[in-house]
Amino acid sequence: MTDPLAIESPCISVCVLDDDTGFCKGCWRTRDEVAIWSRVDNVTRLEILERLRQRRRAAGLPVGRDRLVNLRRKS
């Protein structure tokens, strides 16, 4: 059964890994983080999202809670 309050993937369909950083140019996840996303719980997803925030901040890019954490109800 699917979790009705699962945290959505931060994927924005720009799935290209940066050769220098190893991060996806769209969502800022690593290859491993992308691979495990569908199998991990919300706690782990929040940990990944926090790492994305840190990466974006370190790169001088805007970081917004609303952009990275999107809870949704599945019908």
PDB file of N, CA and C in Angstrom:
ATOM      1  N   MET A   1       0.836  -1.178   0.000  1.00  0.00           N
ATOM      2  CA  MET A   1       0.000   0.000   0.000  1.00  0.00           C
ATOM      3  C   MET A   1       0.880   1.241   0.000  1.00  0.00           C
ATOM      4  N   THR A   2       0.509   2.235  -0.770  1.00  0.00           N
ATOM      5  CA  THR A   2       1.264   3.465  -0.887  1.00  0.00           C
ATOM      6  C   THR A   2       0.932   4.410   0.259  1.00  0.00           C
ATOM      7  N   ASP A   3       1.944   5.074   0.772  1.00  0.00           N
ATOM      8  CA  ASP A   3       1.762   6.040   1.851  1.00  0.00           C
ATOM      9  C   ASP A   3       0.999   7.246   1.302  1.00  0.00           C
ATOM     10  N   PRO A   4      -0.169   7.564   1.877  1.00  0.00           N
ATOM     11  CA  PRO A   4      -0.961   8.684   1.355  1.00  0.00           C
ATOM     12  C   PRO A   4      -0.310  10.043   1.605  1.00  0.00           C
ATOM     13  N   LEU A   5       0.687  10.097   2.478  1.00  0.00           N
ATOM     14  CA  LEU A   5       1.376  11.358   2.755  1.00  0.00           C
ATOM     15  C   LEU A   5       2.844  11.297   2.341  1.00  0.00           C
ATOM     16  N   ALA A   6       3.132  10.499   1.334  1.00  0.00           N
ATOM     17  CA  ALA A   6       4.514  10.357   0.873  1.00  0.00           C
ATOM     18  C   ALA A   6       5.045  11.690   0.356  1.00  0.00           C
ATOM     19  N   ILE A   7       6.292  11.962   0.668  1.00  0.00           N
ATOM     20  CA  ILE A   7       6.928  13.178   0.171  1.00  0.00           C
ATOM     21  C   ILE A   7       7.289  12.958  -1.283  1.00  0.00           C
ATOM     22  N   GLU A   8       6.881  13.870  -2.115  1.00  0.00           N
ATOM     23  CA  GLU A   8       7.131  13.769  -3.552  1.00  0.00           C
ATOM     24  C   GLU A   8       8.617  13.883  -3.865  1.00  0.00           C
ATOM     25  N   SER A   9       8.978  13.285  -4.957  1.00  0.00           N
ATOM     26  CA  SER A   9      10.337  13.403  -5.458  1.00  0.00           C
ATOM     27  C   SER A   9      10.608  14.857  -5.860  1.00  0.00           C
ATOM     28  N   PRO A  10      11.821  15.336  -5.635  1.00  0.00           N
ATOM     29  CA  PRO A  10      12.167  16.686  -6.066  1.00  0.00           C
ATOM     30  C   PRO A  10      12.499  16.771  -7.559  1.00  0.00           C
ATOM     31  N   CYS A  11      12.342  15.667  -8.267  1.00  0.00           N
ATOM     32  CA  CYS A  11      12.646  15.634  -9.700  1.00  0.00           C
ATOM     33  C   CYS A  11      11.833  16.672 -10.462  1.00  0.00           C
ATOM     34  N   ILE A  12      12.533  17.404 -11.342  1.00  0.00           N
ATOM     35  CA  ILE A  12      11.848  18.384 -12.204  1.00  0.00           C
ATOM     36  C   ILE A  12      12.037  18.026 -13.677  1.00  0.00           C
ATOM     37  N   SER A  13      12.346  16.757 -13.931  1.00  0.00           N
ATOM     38  CA  SER A  13      12.508  16.213 -15.290  1.00  0.00           C
ATOM     39  C   SER A  13      13.646  16.861 -16.070  1.00  0.00           C
ATOM     40  N   VAL A  14      14.694  17.219 -15.361  1.00  0.00           N
ATOM     41  CA  VAL A  14      15.946  17.660 -15.983  1.00  0.00           C
ATOM     42  C   VAL A  14      17.000  16.682 -15.472  1.00  0.00           C
ATOM     43  N   CYS A  15      16.965  15.492 -16.012  1.00  0.00           N
ATOM     44  CA  CYS A  15      17.747  14.386 -15.459  1.00  0.00           C
ATOM     45  C   CYS A  15      19.099  14.257 -16.159  1.00  0.00           C
ATOM     46  N   VAL A  16      20.034  15.109 -15.740  1.00  0.00           N
ATOM     47  CA  VAL A  16      21.385  15.105 -16.296  1.00  0.00           C
ATOM     48  C   VAL A  16      22.352  15.234 -15.133  1.00  0.00           C
ATOM     49  N   LEU A  17      23.264  14.275 -15.008  1.00  0.00           N
ATOM     50  CA  LEU A  17      24.247  14.350 -13.932  1.00  0.00           C
ATOM     51  C   LEU A  17      25.408  15.245 -14.336  1.00  0.00           C
ATOM     52  N   ASP A  18      25.784  16.128 -13.436  1.00  0.00           N
ATOM     53  CA  ASP A  18      26.931  17.003 -13.647  1.00  0.00           C
ATOM     54  C   ASP A  18      28.194  16.178 -13.462  1.00  0.00           C
ATOM     55  N   ASP A  19      29.092  16.212 -14.443  1.00  0.00           N
ATOM     56  CA  ASP A  19      30.309  15.400 -14.378  1.00  0.00           C
ATOM     57  C   ASP A  19      31.216  15.797 -13.217  1.00  0.00           C
ATOM     58  N   ASP A  20      31.248  17.069 -12.879  1.00  0.00           N
ATOM     59  CA  ASP A  20      32.144  17.545 -11.824  1.00  0.00           C
ATOM     60  C   ASP A  20      31.627  17.225 -10.423  1.00  0.00           C
ATOM     61  N   THR A  21      30.335  17.436 -10.193  1.00  0.00           N
ATOM     62  CA  THR A  21      29.778  17.261  -8.852  1.00  0.00           C
ATOM     63  C   THR A  21      29.139  15.896  -8.629  1.00  0.00           C
ATOM     64  N   GLY A  22      28.638  15.279  -9.693  1.00  0.00           N
ATOM     65  CA  GLY A  22      27.898  14.034  -9.561  1.00  0.00           C
ATOM     66  C   GLY A  22      26.444  14.251  -9.189  1.00  0.00           C
ATOM     67  N   PHE A  23      26.028  15.523  -9.115  1.00  0.00           N
ATOM     68  CA  PHE A  23      24.648  15.851  -8.770  1.00  0.00           C
ATOM     69  C   PHE A  23      23.818  16.033 -10.028  1.00  0.00           C
ATOM     70  N   CYS A  24      22.537  15.657  -9.932  1.00  0.00           N
ATOM     71  CA  CYS A  24      21.613  15.915 -11.026  1.00  0.00           C
ATOM     72  C   CYS A  24      21.471  17.432 -11.178  1.00  0.00           C
ATOM     73  N   LYS A  25      21.523  17.922 -12.399  1.00  0.00           N
ATOM     74  CA  LYS A  25      21.404  19.360 -12.648  1.00  0.00           C
ATOM     75  C   LYS A  25      19.998  19.876 -12.394  1.00  0.00           C
ATOM     76  N   GLY A  26      19.022  18.988 -12.335  1.00  0.00           N
ATOM     77  CA  GLY A  26      17.649  19.402 -12.078  1.00  0.00           C
ATOM     78  C   GLY A  26      17.296  19.402 -10.601  1.00  0.00           C
ATOM     79  N   CYS A  27      17.495  18.266  -9.947  1.00  0.00           N
ATOM     80  CA  CYS A  27      17.034  18.139  -8.558  1.00  0.00           C
ATOM     81  C   CYS A  27      18.146  18.160  -7.524  1.00  0.00           C
ATOM     82  N   TRP A  28      19.390  18.072  -7.955  1.00  0.00           N
ATOM     83  CA  TRP A  28      20.560  18.116  -7.072  1.00  0.00           C
ATOM     84  C   TRP A  28      20.784  16.840  -6.267  1.00  0.00           C
ATOM     85  N   ARG A  29      20.097  15.750  -6.635  1.00  0.00           N
ATOM     86  CA  ARG A  29      20.362  14.479  -5.958  1.00  0.00           C
ATOM     87  C   ARG A  29      21.519  13.764  -6.639  1.00  0.00           C
ATOM     88  N   THR A  30      22.150  12.848  -5.892  1.00  0.00           N
ATOM     89  CA  THR A  30      23.162  11.982  -6.474  1.00  0.00           C
ATOM     90  C   THR A  30      22.454  10.825  -7.190  1.00  0.00           C
ATOM     91  N   ARG A  31      23.206  10.087  -7.963  1.00  0.00           N
ATOM     92  CA  ARG A  31      22.651   8.906  -8.635  1.00  0.00           C
ATOM     93  C   ARG A  31      22.072   7.941  -7.603  1.00  0.00           C
ATOM     94  N   ASP A  32      22.790   7.724  -6.507  1.00  0.00           N
ATOM     95  CA  ASP A  32      22.321   6.810  -5.467  1.00  0.00           C
ATOM     96  C   ASP A  32      21.034   7.308  -4.813  1.00  0.00           C
ATOM     97  N   GLU A  33      20.942   8.616  -4.560  1.00  0.00           N
ATOM     98  CA  GLU A  33      19.732   9.168  -3.948  1.00  0.00           C
ATOM     99  C   GLU A  33      18.531   9.023  -4.876  1.00  0.00           C
ATOM    100  N   VAL A  34      18.750   9.204  -6.155  1.00  0.00           N
ATOM    101  CA  VAL A  34      17.665   9.007  -7.131  1.00  0.00           C
ATOM    102  C   VAL A  34      17.223   7.549  -7.110  1.00  0.00           C
ATOM    103  N   ALA A  35      18.187   6.650  -7.090  1.00  0.00           N
ATOM    104  CA  ALA A  35      17.894   5.217  -7.165  1.00  0.00           C
ATOM    105  C   ALA A  35      17.100   4.709  -5.967  1.00  0.00           C
ATOM    106  N   ILE A  36      17.361   5.244  -4.775  1.00  0.00           N
ATOM    107  CA  ILE A  36      16.697   4.711  -3.581  1.00  0.00           C
ATOM    108  C   ILE A  36      15.394   5.424  -3.238  1.00  0.00           C
ATOM    109  N   TRP A  37      15.127   6.566  -3.866  1.00  0.00           N
ATOM    110  CA  TRP A  37      13.997   7.413  -3.469  1.00  0.00           C
ATOM    111  C   TRP A  37      12.687   6.644  -3.293  1.00  0.00           C
ATOM    112  N   SER A  38      12.333   5.813  -4.242  1.00  0.00           N
ATOM    113  CA  SER A  38      11.031   5.137  -4.197  1.00  0.00           C
ATOM    114  C   SER A  38      10.952   4.077  -3.102  1.00  0.00           C
ATOM    115  N   ARG A  39      12.094   3.700  -2.534  1.00  0.00           N
ATOM    116  CA  ARG A  39      12.111   2.632  -1.523  1.00  0.00           C
ATOM    117  C   ARG A  39      12.319   3.128  -0.099  1.00  0.00           C
ATOM    118  N   VAL A  40      12.567   4.413   0.082  1.00  0.00           N
ATOM    119  CA  VAL A  40      12.858   4.903   1.428  1.00  0.00           C
ATOM    120  C   VAL A  40      11.643   5.580   2.051  1.00  0.00           C
ATOM    121  N   ASP A  41      11.673   5.677   3.379  1.00  0.00           N
ATOM    122  CA  ASP A  41      10.572   6.295   4.109  1.00  0.00           C
ATOM    123  C   ASP A  41      10.712   7.824   4.109  1.00  0.00           C
ATOM    124  N   ASN A  42       9.710   8.484   4.662  1.00  0.00           N
ATOM    125  CA  ASN A  42       9.705   9.945   4.673  1.00  0.00           C
ATOM    126  C   ASN A  42      10.853  10.532   5.487  1.00  0.00           C
ATOM    127  N   VAL A  43      11.279   9.856   6.535  1.00  0.00           N
ATOM    128  CA  VAL A  43      12.400  10.355   7.339  1.00  0.00           C
ATOM    129  C   VAL A  43      13.652  10.439   6.473  1.00  0.00           C
ATOM    130  N   THR A  44      13.923   9.378   5.736  1.00  0.00           N
ATOM    131  CA  THR A  44      15.090   9.362   4.851  1.00  0.00           C
ATOM    132  C   THR A  44      14.927  10.379   3.730  1.00  0.00           C
ATOM    133  N   ARG A  45      13.729  10.512   3.203  1.00  0.00           N
ATOM    134  CA  ARG A  45      13.488  11.509   2.159  1.00  0.00           C
ATOM    135  C   ARG A  45      13.764  12.917   2.675  1.00  0.00           C
ATOM    136  N   LEU A  46      13.353  13.195   3.901  1.00  0.00           N
ATOM    137  CA  LEU A  46      13.633  14.516   4.477  1.00  0.00           C
ATOM    138  C   LEU A  46      15.129  14.734   4.662  1.00  0.00           C
ATOM    139  N   GLU A  47      15.850  13.688   5.011  1.00  0.00           N
ATOM    140  CA  GLU A  47      17.307  13.798   5.131  1.00  0.00           C
ATOM    141  C   GLU A  47      17.935  14.118   3.773  1.00  0.00           C
ATOM    142  N   ILE A  48      17.465  13.462   2.738  1.00  0.00           N
ATOM    143  CA  ILE A  48      17.959  13.741   1.387  1.00  0.00           C
ATOM    144  C   ILE A  48      17.633  15.177   1.001  1.00  0.00           C
ATOM    145  N   LEU A  49      16.406  15.607   1.269  1.00  0.00           N
ATOM    146  CA  LEU A  49      16.007  16.973   0.922  1.00  0.00           C
ATOM    147  C   LEU A  49      16.851  18.011   1.655  1.00  0.00           C
ATOM    148  N   GLU A  50      17.230  17.719   2.878  1.00  0.00           N
ATOM    149  CA  GLU A  50      18.095  18.646   3.612  1.00  0.00           C
ATOM    150  C   GLU A  50      19.476  18.721   2.962  1.00  0.00           C
ATOM    151  N   ARG A  51      19.987  17.598   2.499  1.00  0.00           N
ATOM    152  CA  ARG A  51      21.273  17.623   1.783  1.00  0.00           C
ATOM    153  C   ARG A  51      21.162  18.454   0.506  1.00  0.00           C
ATOM    154  N   LEU A  52      20.015  18.368  -0.174  1.00  0.00           N
ATOM    155  CA  LEU A  52      19.814  19.174  -1.383  1.00  0.00           C
ATOM    156  C   LEU A  52      19.840  20.656  -1.039  1.00  0.00           C
ATOM    157  N   ARG A  53      19.192  21.014   0.058  1.00  0.00           N
ATOM    158  CA  ARG A  53      19.204  22.413   0.514  1.00  0.00           C
ATOM    159  C   ARG A  53      20.631  22.881   0.753  1.00  0.00           C
ATOM    160  N   GLN A  54      21.424  22.056   1.412  1.00  0.00           N
ATOM    161  CA  GLN A  54      22.809  22.416   1.700  1.00  0.00           C
ATOM    162  C   GLN A  54      23.623  22.564   0.420  1.00  0.00           C
ATOM    163  N   ARG A  55      23.411  21.674  -0.531  1.00  0.00           N
ATOM    164  CA  ARG A  55      24.127  21.751  -1.811  1.00  0.00           C
ATOM    165  C   ARG A  55      23.778  23.028  -2.566  1.00  0.00           C
ATOM    166  N   ARG A  56      22.474  23.321  -2.626  1.00  0.00           N
ATOM    167  CA  ARG A  56      22.035  24.535  -3.333  1.00  0.00           C
ATOM    168  C   ARG A  56      22.588  25.780  -2.642  1.00  0.00           C
ATOM    169  N   ARG A  57      22.542  25.802  -1.326  1.00  0.00           N
ATOM    170  CA  ARG A  57      23.065  26.945  -0.568  1.00  0.00           C
ATOM    171  C   ARG A  57      24.563  27.114  -0.846  1.00  0.00           C
ATOM    172  N   ALA A  58      25.318  26.015  -0.823  1.00  0.00           N
ATOM    173  CA  ALA A  58      26.759  26.066  -1.069  1.00  0.00           C
ATOM    174  C   ALA A  58      27.066  26.570  -2.482  1.00  0.00           C
ATOM    175  N   ALA A  59      26.152  26.306  -3.415  1.00  0.00           N
ATOM    176  CA  ALA A  59      26.325  26.757  -4.798  1.00  0.00           C
ATOM    177  C   ALA A  59      25.822  28.189  -5.013  1.00  0.00           C
ATOM    178  N   GLY A  60      25.292  28.797  -3.935  1.00  0.00           N
ATOM    179  CA  GLY A  60      24.797  30.169  -4.042  1.00  0.00           C
ATOM    180  C   GLY A  60      23.438  30.277  -4.702  1.00  0.00           C
ATOM    181  N   LEU A  61      22.693  29.182  -4.721  1.00  0.00           N
ATOM    182  CA  LEU A  61      21.369  29.177  -5.338  1.00  0.00           C
ATOM    183  C   LEU A  61      20.286  29.351  -4.280  1.00  0.00           C
ATOM    184  N   PRO A  62      19.116  29.844  -4.686  1.00  0.00           N
ATOM    185  CA  PRO A  62      18.033  30.021  -3.717  1.00  0.00           C
ATOM    186  C   PRO A  62      17.593  28.687  -3.116  1.00  0.00           C
ATOM    187  N   VAL A  63      17.252  28.753  -1.858  1.00  0.00           N
ATOM    188  CA  VAL A  63      16.778  27.573  -1.138  1.00  0.00           C
ATOM    189  C   VAL A  63      15.470  27.952  -0.488  1.00  0.00           C
ATOM    190  N   GLY A  64      14.433  27.209  -0.809  1.00  0.00           N
ATOM    191  CA  GLY A  64      13.133  27.481  -0.195  1.00  0.00           C
ATOM    192  C   GLY A  64      12.492  26.206   0.277  1.00  0.00           C
ATOM    193  N   ARG A  65      11.975  26.235   1.476  1.00  0.00           N
ATOM    194  CA  ARG A  65      11.316  25.051   2.033  1.00  0.00           C
ATOM    195  C   ARG A  65      10.186  24.592   1.129  1.00  0.00           C
ATOM    196  N   ASP A  66       9.392  25.528   0.600  1.00  0.00           N
ATOM    197  CA  ASP A  66       8.270  25.145  -0.246  1.00  0.00           C
ATOM    198  C   ASP A  66       8.733  24.463  -1.527  1.00  0.00           C
ATOM    199  N   ARG A  67       9.907  24.798  -2.013  1.00  0.00           N
ATOM    200  CA  ARG A  67      10.405  24.211  -3.244  1.00  0.00           C
ATOM    201  C   ARG A  67      10.827  22.768  -3.020  1.00  0.00           C
ATOM    202  N   LEU A  68      11.364  22.451  -1.846  1.00  0.00           N
ATOM    203  CA  LEU A  68      11.937  21.131  -1.629  1.00  0.00           C
ATOM    204  C   LEU A  68      11.034  20.141  -0.918  1.00  0.00           C
ATOM    205  N   VAL A  69      10.140  20.625  -0.098  1.00  0.00           N
ATOM    206  CA  VAL A  69       9.282  19.706   0.634  1.00  0.00           C
ATOM    207  C   VAL A  69       7.853  19.918   0.176  1.00  0.00           C
ATOM    208  N   ASN A  70       7.303  18.921  -0.460  1.00  0.00           N
ATOM    209  CA  ASN A  70       5.945  19.031  -0.980  1.00  0.00           C
ATOM    210  C   ASN A  70       5.177  17.781  -0.560  1.00  0.00           C
ATOM    211  N   LEU A  71       4.394  17.928   0.485  1.00  0.00           N
ATOM    212  CA  LEU A  71       3.568  16.804   0.934  1.00  0.00           C
ATOM    213  C   LEU A  71       2.308  16.771   0.090  1.00  0.00           C
ATOM    214  N   ARG A  72       1.902  15.608  -0.264  1.00  0.00           N
ATOM    215  CA  ARG A  72       0.683  15.503  -1.062  1.00  0.00           C
ATOM    216  C   ARG A  72      -0.159  14.358  -0.550  1.00  0.00           C
ATOM    217  N   ARG A  73      -1.430  14.495  -0.757  1.00  0.00           N
ATOM    218  CA  ARG A  73      -2.362  13.413  -0.445  1.00  0.00           C
ATOM    219  C   ARG A  73      -2.692  12.699  -1.755  1.00  0.00           C
ATOM    220  N   LYS A  74      -2.572  11.407  -1.722  1.00  0.00           N
ATOM    221  CA  LYS A  74      -2.951  10.624  -2.895  1.00  0.00           C
ATOM    222  C   LYS A  74      -4.372  10.160  -2.716  1.00  0.00           C
ATOM    223  N   SER A  75      -5.139  10.255  -3.762  1.00  0.00           N
ATOM    224  CA  SER A  75      -6.536   9.834  -3.641  1.00  0.00           C
ATOM    225  C   SER A  75      -6.718   8.384  -4.004  1.00  0.00           C
TER     226      SER A  75
END
